[in-house]
Amino acid sequence: MMSRPRAEALAAALRKKYKRRAKKRDPGSVRVYCITTAEQSRDPLDCDWLESGPLDEVVAWIDLEKLLGQRH
């Protein structure tokens, strides 16, 4: 559903957008968050959207507070 390179690109985009707040988010946690959130979403997402959707759009979809609150 989401490749490692895509997760790395999303993690880098989050760090660029949110600076210090997203600094500690690694690609693995971003990937897990996105896949889990997409699976639990009431509105089914196109399974390719996480992988091929516009990077800015996917970054905007990510709830940073929920991502930061994830336990690892």
C-alpha atoms as a PDB file:
ATOM      1  CA  MET A   1       0.000   0.000   0.000  1.00  0.00           C
ATOM      2  CA  MET A   2       2.957   2.329   0.612  1.00  0.00           C
ATOM      3  CA  SER A   3       6.563   1.743  -0.356  1.00  0.00           C
ATOM      4  CA  ARG A   4       9.564   2.565   1.810  1.00  0.00           C
ATOM      5  CA  PRO A   5      10.770   5.321  -0.604  1.00  0.00           C
ATOM      6  CA  ARG A   6       7.332   6.960  -0.481  1.00  0.00           C
ATOM      7  CA  ALA A   7       7.337   6.830   3.342  1.00  0.00           C
ATOM      8  CA  GLU A   8      10.799   8.418   3.332  1.00  0.00           C
ATOM      9  CA  ALA A   9       9.552  11.197   1.034  1.00  0.00           C
ATOM     10  CA  LEU A  10       6.542  11.807   3.297  1.00  0.00           C
ATOM     11  CA  ALA A  11       8.704  11.897   6.435  1.00  0.00           C
ATOM     12  CA  ALA A  12      11.022  14.421   4.762  1.00  0.00           C
ATOM     13  CA  ALA A  13       8.051  16.538   3.652  1.00  0.00           C
ATOM     14  CA  LEU A  14       6.626  16.485   7.190  1.00  0.00           C
ATOM     15  CA  ARG A  15       9.974  17.585   8.637  1.00  0.00           C
ATOM     16  CA  LYS A  16      10.172  20.374   6.067  1.00  0.00           C
ATOM     17  CA  LYS A  17       6.615  21.556   6.752  1.00  0.00           C
ATOM     18  CA  TYR A  18       6.582  21.238  10.548  1.00  0.00           C
ATOM     19  CA  LYS A  19      10.299  21.606  11.334  1.00  0.00           C
ATOM     20  CA  ARG A  20      11.046  20.535  14.904  1.00  0.00           C
ATOM     21  CA  ARG A  21       7.586  19.130  15.640  1.00  0.00           C
ATOM     22  CA  ALA A  22       8.004  16.350  13.080  1.00  0.00           C
ATOM     23  CA  LYS A  23      11.759  15.948  13.503  1.00  0.00           C
ATOM     24  CA  LYS A  24      11.573  12.608  15.310  1.00  0.00           C
ATOM     25  CA  ARG A  25       9.129  10.969  12.912  1.00  0.00           C
ATOM     26  CA  ASP A  26      10.922   8.258  11.024  1.00  0.00           C
ATOM     27  CA  PRO A  27       9.683   6.803   7.708  1.00  0.00           C
ATOM     28  CA  GLY A  28       8.549   3.588   9.396  1.00  0.00           C
ATOM     29  CA  SER A  29       6.212   5.366  11.813  1.00  0.00           C
ATOM     30  CA  VAL A  30       4.858   7.577   9.013  1.00  0.00           C
ATOM     31  CA  ARG A  31       4.169   4.474   6.910  1.00  0.00           C
ATOM     32  CA  VAL A  32       2.408   2.639   9.758  1.00  0.00           C
ATOM     33  CA  TYR A  33       0.336   5.727  10.612  1.00  0.00           C
ATOM     34  CA  CYS A  34      -0.767   6.261   6.998  1.00  0.00           C
ATOM     35  CA  ILE A  35      -1.683   2.642   6.344  1.00  0.00           C
ATOM     36  CA  THR A  36      -3.521   2.228   9.651  1.00  0.00           C
ATOM     37  CA  THR A  37      -5.406   5.489   9.265  1.00  0.00           C
ATOM     38  CA  ALA A  38      -6.360   4.690   5.671  1.00  0.00           C
ATOM     39  CA  GLU A  39      -7.654   1.246   6.684  1.00  0.00           C
ATOM     40  CA  GLN A  40      -9.767   2.735   9.500  1.00  0.00           C
ATOM     41  CA  SER A  41     -11.120   5.598   7.445  1.00  0.00           C
ATOM     42  CA  ARG A  42     -14.862   5.625   6.930  1.00  0.00           C
ATOM     43  CA  ASP A  43     -14.429   6.836   3.369  1.00  0.00           C
ATOM     44  CA  PRO A  44     -12.402   4.195   1.582  1.00  0.00           C
ATOM     45  CA  LEU A  45      -9.312   5.629  -0.023  1.00  0.00           C
ATOM     46  CA  ASP A  46      -8.098   4.559  -3.390  1.00  0.00           C
ATOM     47  CA  CYS A  47      -5.363   2.099  -2.434  1.00  0.00           C
ATOM     48  CA  ASP A  48      -2.942   3.816  -4.825  1.00  0.00           C
ATOM     49  CA  TRP A  49      -3.538   7.290  -3.409  1.00  0.00           C
ATOM     50  CA  LEU A  50      -1.034   6.958  -0.556  1.00  0.00           C
ATOM     51  CA  GLU A  51       1.616   5.839  -3.030  1.00  0.00           C
ATOM     52  CA  SER A  52       0.884   8.048  -6.021  1.00  0.00           C
ATOM     53  CA  GLY A  53      -1.175  10.989  -4.782  1.00  0.00           C
ATOM     54  CA  PRO A  54       0.378  14.450  -4.723  1.00  0.00           C
ATOM     55  CA  LEU A  55       2.900  14.576  -1.875  1.00  0.00           C
ATOM     56  CA  ASP A  56       1.525  17.879  -0.548  1.00  0.00           C
ATOM     57  CA  GLU A  57      -1.999  16.452  -0.499  1.00  0.00           C
ATOM     58  CA  VAL A  58      -0.952  13.345   1.430  1.00  0.00           C
ATOM     59  CA  VAL A  59       1.063  15.458   3.897  1.00  0.00           C
ATOM     60  CA  ALA A  60      -1.985  17.694   4.435  1.00  0.00           C
ATOM     61  CA  TRP A  61      -4.114  14.578   5.075  1.00  0.00           C
ATOM     62  CA  ILE A  62      -1.809  13.434   7.891  1.00  0.00           C
ATOM     63  CA  ASP A  63      -2.989  14.554  11.328  1.00  0.00           C
ATOM     64  CA  LEU A  64       0.327  15.552  12.904  1.00  0.00           C
ATOM     65  CA  GLU A  65      -1.048  15.463  16.445  1.00  0.00           C
ATOM     66  CA  LYS A  66      -2.205  11.863  16.025  1.00  0.00           C
ATOM     67  CA  LEU A  67       1.070  10.921  14.362  1.00  0.00           C
ATOM     68  CA  LEU A  68       3.074  12.482  17.199  1.00  0.00           C
ATOM     69  CA  GLY A  69       0.876  10.722  19.750  1.00  0.00           C
ATOM     70  CA  GLN A  70       1.611   7.281  18.310  1.00  0.00           C
ATOM     71  CA  ARG A  71       3.445   4.937  20.621  1.00  0.00           C
ATOM     72  CA  HIS A  72       6.329   2.844  19.335  1.00  0.00           C
END
